[in-house]
Amino acid sequence: MRRTPQEFRRRNLKELFEKTIHARQIQLEPFDISVKESWNSDFTVVELAINETSSGLQNCREIVETRAKGFVDGIFKACHTQYVEQHASLQNIKLIDYQVRPSFSNSNKTMGSDAETSITLMVEVKDHGIAEFSCTSRSILYSSFVATLEAFQFYINCDRAFRKIKLVLEDAQARNRGDIVQVCMSNLALLTGANTYDR
């Protein structure tokens, strides 16, 4: 499968995360999800448990969203509410499309009901275009959860890397280290190609 230019840029940023924030990268993995919908309610209740790893520490974070308009809204809103306070640049992202592509040819059953399904979230980043995050599994719910976590993980790590490089840049400028300043400016340009951050 050929990589898109967007995937190459994202890979370059992930390499930058390794160089700049190392263990401070956040890793978000699904642990548990529960969705409750009722015919007599306009809202969906979504309960998430996320394994969050950063700085060598693992924490199981539980989030409940009680006023969602469907499970996709619930997953996205729960993650946004949980992380936006510490990472203000997440305010720039919004979900604009949600694509479901079942692969019935890969089904093991004659009914086709166990087919793998690819979920793609299209996220618009203010002034930076559209980014796609995908996951394929036999569960639409699981794939949606994973793709959403990948999106938030990526933009949280962008935010963390930006703040770390800004600190290094300020120190390098104070010490008149032009070589380090040049590297920092190049890295910041790479990060600002993905999102806008608080200065």
C-alpha atoms as a PDB file:
ATOM      1  CA  MET A   1       0.000   0.000   0.000  1.00  0.00           C
ATOM      2  CA  ARG A   2       1.430   3.391  -1.009  1.00  0.00           C
ATOM      3  CA  ARG A   3       1.845   6.000   1.693  1.00  0.00           C
ATOM      4  CA  THR A   4       0.203   9.384   1.269  1.00  0.00           C
ATOM      5  CA  PRO A   5       2.207  12.621   1.683  1.00  0.00           C
ATOM      6  CA  GLN A   6       0.265  13.149   4.914  1.00  0.00           C
ATOM      7  CA  GLU A   7       1.497   9.801   6.265  1.00  0.00           C
ATOM      8  CA  PHE A   8       5.114  10.746   5.424  1.00  0.00           C
ATOM      9  CA  ARG A   9       4.728  14.065   7.287  1.00  0.00           C
ATOM     10  CA  ARG A  10       3.212  12.274  10.265  1.00  0.00           C
ATOM     11  CA  ARG A  11       6.074   9.755  10.275  1.00  0.00           C
ATOM     12  CA  ASN A  12       8.579  12.650  10.282  1.00  0.00           C
ATOM     13  CA  LEU A  13       6.790  14.185  13.249  1.00  0.00           C
ATOM     14  CA  LYS A  14       6.784  10.878  15.122  1.00  0.00           C
ATOM     15  CA  GLU A  15      10.561  10.710  14.615  1.00  0.00           C
ATOM     16  CA  LEU A  16      10.764  14.245  16.018  1.00  0.00           C
ATOM     17  CA  PHE A  17       8.756  13.140  19.079  1.00  0.00           C
ATOM     18  CA  GLU A  18      11.351  10.420  19.688  1.00  0.00           C
ATOM     19  CA  LYS A  19      14.177  12.966  19.525  1.00  0.00           C
ATOM     20  CA  THR A  20      12.582  15.705  21.618  1.00  0.00           C
ATOM     21  CA  ILE A  21      10.137  14.332  24.176  1.00  0.00           C
ATOM     22  CA  HIS A  22      11.266  10.669  24.357  1.00  0.00           C
ATOM     23  CA  ALA A  23       9.457   9.019  27.284  1.00  0.00           C
ATOM     24  CA  ARG A  24       7.195  12.064  27.752  1.00  0.00           C
ATOM     25  CA  GLN A  25       5.300  11.004  24.649  1.00  0.00           C
ATOM     26  CA  ILE A  26       1.786   9.995  25.525  1.00  0.00           C
ATOM     27  CA  GLN A  27       0.517   6.638  24.368  1.00  0.00           C
ATOM     28  CA  LEU A  28      -3.235   6.054  24.441  1.00  0.00           C
ATOM     29  CA  GLU A  29      -4.562   2.519  24.136  1.00  0.00           C
ATOM     30  CA  PRO A  30      -8.141   1.283  24.432  1.00  0.00           C
ATOM     31  CA  PHE A  31      -8.944  -0.791  27.495  1.00  0.00           C
ATOM     32  CA  ASP A  32     -12.733  -0.830  27.693  1.00  0.00           C
ATOM     33  CA  ILE A  33     -15.726   0.878  26.131  1.00  0.00           C
ATOM     34  CA  SER A  34     -19.403   0.751  26.966  1.00  0.00           C
ATOM     35  CA  VAL A  35     -22.182   2.471  25.043  1.00  0.00           C
ATOM     36  CA  LYS A  36     -25.753   2.778  26.226  1.00  0.00           C
ATOM     37  CA  GLU A  37     -28.606   4.051  24.079  1.00  0.00           C
ATOM     38  CA  SER A  38     -32.299   4.054  24.909  1.00  0.00           C
ATOM     39  CA  TRP A  39     -35.384   4.722  22.808  1.00  0.00           C
ATOM     40  CA  ASN A  40     -36.689   7.183  25.427  1.00  0.00           C
ATOM     41  CA  SER A  41     -33.534   9.359  25.551  1.00  0.00           C
ATOM     42  CA  ASP A  42     -32.012  11.772  23.049  1.00  0.00           C
ATOM     43  CA  PHE A  43     -28.558  11.086  24.447  1.00  0.00           C
ATOM     44  CA  THR A  44     -25.994   8.284  24.293  1.00  0.00           C
ATOM     45  CA  VAL A  45     -23.969   7.393  27.397  1.00  0.00           C
ATOM     46  CA  VAL A  46     -20.366   6.450  26.606  1.00  0.00           C
ATOM     47  CA  GLU A  47     -17.980   5.069  29.222  1.00  0.00           C
ATOM     48  CA  LEU A  48     -14.319   4.775  28.227  1.00  0.00           C
ATOM     49  CA  ALA A  49     -11.305   3.260  29.933  1.00  0.00           C
ATOM     50  CA  ILE A  50      -8.010   4.317  28.359  1.00  0.00           C
ATOM     51  CA  ASN A  51      -4.545   2.991  29.176  1.00  0.00           C
ATOM     52  CA  GLU A  52      -2.448   6.149  29.224  1.00  0.00           C
ATOM     53  CA  THR A  53       1.333   5.761  29.292  1.00  0.00           C
ATOM     54  CA  SER A  54       3.779   8.645  29.663  1.00  0.00           C
ATOM     55  CA  SER A  55       7.143   9.114  31.400  1.00  0.00           C
ATOM     56  CA  GLY A  56       7.240   5.403  32.169  1.00  0.00           C
ATOM     57  CA  LEU A  57       4.011   5.542  34.154  1.00  0.00           C
ATOM     58  CA  GLN A  58       0.803   3.806  33.152  1.00  0.00           C
ATOM     59  CA  ASN A  59      -2.602   4.987  34.263  1.00  0.00           C
ATOM     60  CA  CYS A  60      -6.040   3.649  33.425  1.00  0.00           C
ATOM     61  CA  ARG A  61      -8.150   6.744  32.839  1.00  0.00           C
ATOM     62  CA  GLU A  62     -11.905   6.335  33.032  1.00  0.00           C
ATOM     63  CA  ILE A  63     -14.106   8.901  31.288  1.00  0.00           C
ATOM     64  CA  VAL A  64     -17.892   9.090  31.146  1.00  0.00           C
ATOM     65  CA  GLU A  65     -19.771  11.187  28.593  1.00  0.00           C
ATOM     66  CA  THR A  66     -23.486  11.276  29.386  1.00  0.00           C
ATOM     67  CA  ARG A  67     -24.842  13.741  26.835  1.00  0.00           C
ATOM     68  CA  ALA A  68     -23.474  12.438  23.543  1.00  0.00           C
ATOM     69  CA  LYS A  69     -25.351  12.438  20.261  1.00  0.00           C
ATOM     70  CA  GLY A  70     -24.322   8.912  19.252  1.00  0.00           C
ATOM     71  CA  PHE A  71     -21.260   6.852  20.113  1.00  0.00           C
ATOM     72  CA  VAL A  72     -18.903   8.657  17.708  1.00  0.00           C
ATOM     73  CA  ASP A  73     -19.764  11.998  19.314  1.00  0.00           C
ATOM     74  CA  GLY A  74     -19.383  10.401  22.743  1.00  0.00           C
ATOM     75  CA  ILE A  75     -15.897   9.002  22.103  1.00  0.00           C
ATOM     76  CA  PHE A  76     -14.619  12.190  20.448  1.00  0.00           C
ATOM     77  CA  LYS A  77     -16.195  14.550  22.994  1.00  0.00           C
ATOM     78  CA  ALA A  78     -14.957  12.488  25.963  1.00  0.00           C
ATOM     79  CA  CYS A  79     -11.354  12.549  24.705  1.00  0.00           C
ATOM     80  CA  HIS A  80     -11.530  16.239  23.822  1.00  0.00           C
ATOM     81  CA  THR A  81     -12.898  17.190  27.251  1.00  0.00           C
ATOM     82  CA  GLN A  82     -10.291  15.036  29.000  1.00  0.00           C
ATOM     83  CA  TYR A  83      -7.200  16.443  27.254  1.00  0.00           C
ATOM     84  CA  VAL A  84      -7.963  19.965  25.964  1.00  0.00           C
ATOM     85  CA  GLU A  85      -7.252  21.736  29.259  1.00  0.00           C
ATOM     86  CA  GLN A  86      -3.611  20.613  29.295  1.00  0.00           C
ATOM     87  CA  HIS A  87      -3.167  20.811  25.515  1.00  0.00           C
ATOM     88  CA  ALA A  88      -4.943  23.930  24.263  1.00  0.00           C
ATOM     89  CA  SER A  89      -4.026  23.251  20.628  1.00  0.00           C
ATOM     90  CA  LEU A  90      -6.653  20.469  20.659  1.00  0.00           C
ATOM     91  CA  GLN A  91      -9.228  23.256  20.378  1.00  0.00           C
ATOM     92  CA  ASN A  92      -8.193  23.492  16.722  1.00  0.00           C
ATOM     93  CA  ILE A  93      -9.363  20.003  15.750  1.00  0.00           C
ATOM     94  CA  LYS A  94     -12.860  18.946  14.826  1.00  0.00           C
ATOM     95  CA  LEU A  95     -14.360  15.845  13.304  1.00  0.00           C
ATOM     96  CA  ILE A  96     -15.722  16.512   9.814  1.00  0.00           C
ATOM     97  CA  ASP A  97     -16.251  13.048   8.358  1.00  0.00           C
ATOM     98  CA  TYR A  98     -16.609   9.471   9.503  1.00  0.00           C
ATOM     99  CA  GLN A  99     -16.235   6.716   6.913  1.00  0.00           C
ATOM    100  CA  VAL A 100     -17.217   3.071   7.375  1.00  0.00           C
ATOM    101  CA  ARG A 101     -15.943   0.525   4.824  1.00  0.00           C
ATOM    102  CA  PRO A 102     -16.812  -3.120   5.515  1.00  0.00           C
ATOM    103  CA  SER A 103     -14.830  -5.799   3.718  1.00  0.00           C
ATOM    104  CA  PHE A 104     -17.356  -8.569   3.192  1.00  0.00           C
ATOM    105  CA  SER A 105     -14.934 -10.528   1.014  1.00  0.00           C
ATOM    106  CA  ASN A 106     -12.873 -11.219   4.171  1.00  0.00           C
ATOM    107  CA  SER A 107     -15.828 -12.655   6.071  1.00  0.00           C
ATOM    108  CA  ASN A 108     -15.553 -16.170   7.490  1.00  0.00           C
ATOM    109  CA  LYS A 109     -19.301 -16.658   7.721  1.00  0.00           C
ATOM    110  CA  THR A 110     -21.789 -17.126   4.920  1.00  0.00           C
ATOM    111  CA  MET A 111     -23.897 -14.322   6.419  1.00  0.00           C
ATOM    112  CA  GLY A 112     -20.978 -11.874   6.123  1.00  0.00           C
ATOM    113  CA  SER A 113     -21.751 -10.459   9.555  1.00  0.00           C
ATOM    114  CA  ASP A 114     -18.194 -10.995  10.858  1.00  0.00           C
ATOM    115  CA  ALA A 115     -16.573  -8.924   8.112  1.00  0.00           C
ATOM    116  CA  GLU A 116     -13.715  -6.636   9.029  1.00  0.00           C
ATOM    117  CA  THR A 117     -14.611  -2.970   8.875  1.00  0.00           C
ATOM    118  CA  SER A 118     -12.290  -0.062   8.229  1.00  0.00           C
ATOM    119  CA  ILE A 119     -13.144   3.169  10.033  1.00  0.00           C
ATOM    120  CA  THR A 120     -11.619   6.457   8.921  1.00  0.00           C
ATOM    121  CA  LEU A 121     -11.970   9.648  10.915  1.00  0.00           C
ATOM    122  CA  MET A 122     -11.458  12.848   8.934  1.00  0.00           C
ATOM    123  CA  VAL A 123     -10.263  15.568  11.298  1.00  0.00           C
ATOM    124  CA  GLU A 124     -10.060  19.204  10.222  1.00  0.00           C
ATOM    125  CA  VAL A 125      -7.258  21.155  11.861  1.00  0.00           C
ATOM    126  CA  LYS A 126      -7.926  24.899  11.882  1.00  0.00           C
ATOM    127  CA  ASP A 127      -5.845  26.590   9.134  1.00  0.00           C
ATOM    128  CA  HIS A 128      -3.978  23.297   8.486  1.00  0.00           C
ATOM    129  CA  GLY A 129      -6.312  21.172   6.391  1.00  0.00           C
ATOM    130  CA  ILE A 130      -7.599  17.672   6.944  1.00  0.00           C
ATOM    131  CA  ALA A 131      -5.952  14.655   8.563  1.00  0.00           C
ATOM    132  CA  GLU A 132      -7.123  11.027   8.444  1.00  0.00           C
ATOM    133  CA  PHE A 133      -6.873   8.408  11.171  1.00  0.00           C
ATOM    134  CA  SER A 134      -7.948   4.830  10.458  1.00  0.00           C
ATOM    135  CA  CYS A 135      -8.365   1.467  12.117  1.00  0.00           C
ATOM    136  CA  THR A 136      -9.620  -1.882  10.826  1.00  0.00           C
ATOM    137  CA  SER A 137     -11.157  -4.591  12.995  1.00  0.00           C
ATOM    138  CA  ARG A 138     -14.312  -6.688  13.225  1.00  0.00           C
ATOM    139  CA  SER A 139     -15.909  -4.099  15.517  1.00  0.00           C
ATOM    140  CA  ILE A 140     -17.067  -0.672  14.345  1.00  0.00           C
ATOM    141  CA  LEU A 141     -17.034   0.487  17.957  1.00  0.00           C
ATOM    142  CA  TYR A 142     -13.469  -0.719  18.632  1.00  0.00           C
ATOM    143  CA  SER A 143     -12.147   0.720  15.356  1.00  0.00           C
ATOM    144  CA  SER A 144     -13.775   4.073  16.121  1.00  0.00           C
ATOM    145  CA  PHE A 145     -12.239   4.083  19.603  1.00  0.00           C
ATOM    146  CA  VAL A 146      -8.738   3.264  18.306  1.00  0.00           C
ATOM    147  CA  ALA A 147      -8.836   5.801  15.447  1.00  0.00           C
ATOM    148  CA  THR A 148      -9.995   8.520  17.850  1.00  0.00           C
ATOM    149  CA  LEU A 149      -7.241   7.701  20.349  1.00  0.00           C
ATOM    150  CA  GLU A 150      -4.636   7.779  17.561  1.00  0.00           C
ATOM    151  CA  ALA A 151      -5.780  11.250  16.539  1.00  0.00           C
ATOM    152  CA  PHE A 152      -5.652  12.613  20.085  1.00  0.00           C
ATOM    153  CA  GLN A 153      -2.341  10.902  20.829  1.00  0.00           C
ATOM    154  CA  PHE A 154      -0.756  12.442  17.736  1.00  0.00           C
ATOM    155  CA  TYR A 155      -1.918  16.012  18.433  1.00  0.00           C
ATOM    156  CA  ILE A 156      -1.102  15.806  22.153  1.00  0.00           C
ATOM    157  CA  ASN A 157       2.444  14.733  21.275  1.00  0.00           C
ATOM    158  CA  CYS A 158       2.701  17.583  18.752  1.00  0.00           C
ATOM    159  CA  ASP A 159       1.717  19.991  21.530  1.00  0.00           C
ATOM    160  CA  ARG A 160       4.223  18.512  23.985  1.00  0.00           C
ATOM    161  CA  ALA A 161       7.046  18.561  21.430  1.00  0.00           C
ATOM    162  CA  PHE A 162       6.294  22.185  20.524  1.00  0.00           C
ATOM    163  CA  ARG A 163       6.490  23.297  24.171  1.00  0.00           C
ATOM    164  CA  LYS A 164       9.743  21.380  24.760  1.00  0.00           C
ATOM    165  CA  ILE A 165      11.416  22.810  21.654  1.00  0.00           C
ATOM    166  CA  LYS A 166      10.320  26.341  22.614  1.00  0.00           C
ATOM    167  CA  LEU A 167      12.122  25.925  25.963  1.00  0.00           C
ATOM    168  CA  VAL A 168      15.265  24.644  24.235  1.00  0.00           C
ATOM    169  CA  LEU A 169      15.072  27.540  21.736  1.00  0.00           C
ATOM    170  CA  GLU A 170      14.785  30.169  24.484  1.00  0.00           C
ATOM    171  CA  ASP A 171      17.778  28.669  26.296  1.00  0.00           C
ATOM    172  CA  ALA A 172      19.821  28.520  23.069  1.00  0.00           C
ATOM    173  CA  GLN A 173      19.002  32.153  22.272  1.00  0.00           C
ATOM    174  CA  ALA A 174      20.052  33.227  25.777  1.00  0.00           C
ATOM    175  CA  ARG A 175      23.395  31.433  25.301  1.00  0.00           C
ATOM    176  CA  ASN A 176      23.896  32.696  21.717  1.00  0.00           C
ATOM    177  CA  ARG A 177      23.926  29.146  20.341  1.00  0.00           C
ATOM    178  CA  GLY A 178      23.023  29.821  16.720  1.00  0.00           C
ATOM    179  CA  ASP A 179      23.484  26.180  15.722  1.00  0.00           C
ATOM    180  CA  ILE A 180      20.867  24.992  18.223  1.00  0.00           C
ATOM    181  CA  VAL A 181      18.557  27.901  17.352  1.00  0.00           C
ATOM    182  CA  GLN A 182      18.648  26.855  13.701  1.00  0.00           C
ATOM    183  CA  VAL A 183      17.720  23.242  14.515  1.00  0.00           C
ATOM    184  CA  CYS A 184      14.917  24.382  16.823  1.00  0.00           C
ATOM    185  CA  MET A 185      13.477  26.713  14.184  1.00  0.00           C
ATOM    186  CA  SER A 186      13.484  23.883  11.645  1.00  0.00           C
ATOM    187  CA  ASN A 187      11.715  21.553  14.097  1.00  0.00           C
ATOM    188  CA  LEU A 188       9.142  24.200  15.018  1.00  0.00           C
ATOM    189  CA  ALA A 189       8.393  24.717  11.326  1.00  0.00           C
ATOM    190  CA  LEU A 190       7.697  20.991  11.023  1.00  0.00           C
ATOM    191  CA  LEU A 191       5.322  21.088  14.007  1.00  0.00           C
ATOM    192  CA  THR A 192       3.497  24.230  12.884  1.00  0.00           C
ATOM    193  CA  GLY A 193       2.772  22.439   9.635  1.00  0.00           C
ATOM    194  CA  ALA A 194       0.469  20.158  11.643  1.00  0.00           C
ATOM    195  CA  ASN A 195      -1.260  22.579  14.031  1.00  0.00           C
ATOM    196  CA  THR A 196      -1.125  26.013  15.691  1.00  0.00           C
ATOM    197  CA  TYR A 197       0.072  26.284  19.290  1.00  0.00           C
ATOM    198  CA  ASP A 198      -0.003  28.820  22.110  1.00  0.00           C
ATOM    199  CA  ARG A 199       3.175  30.869  21.978  1.00  0.00           C
END
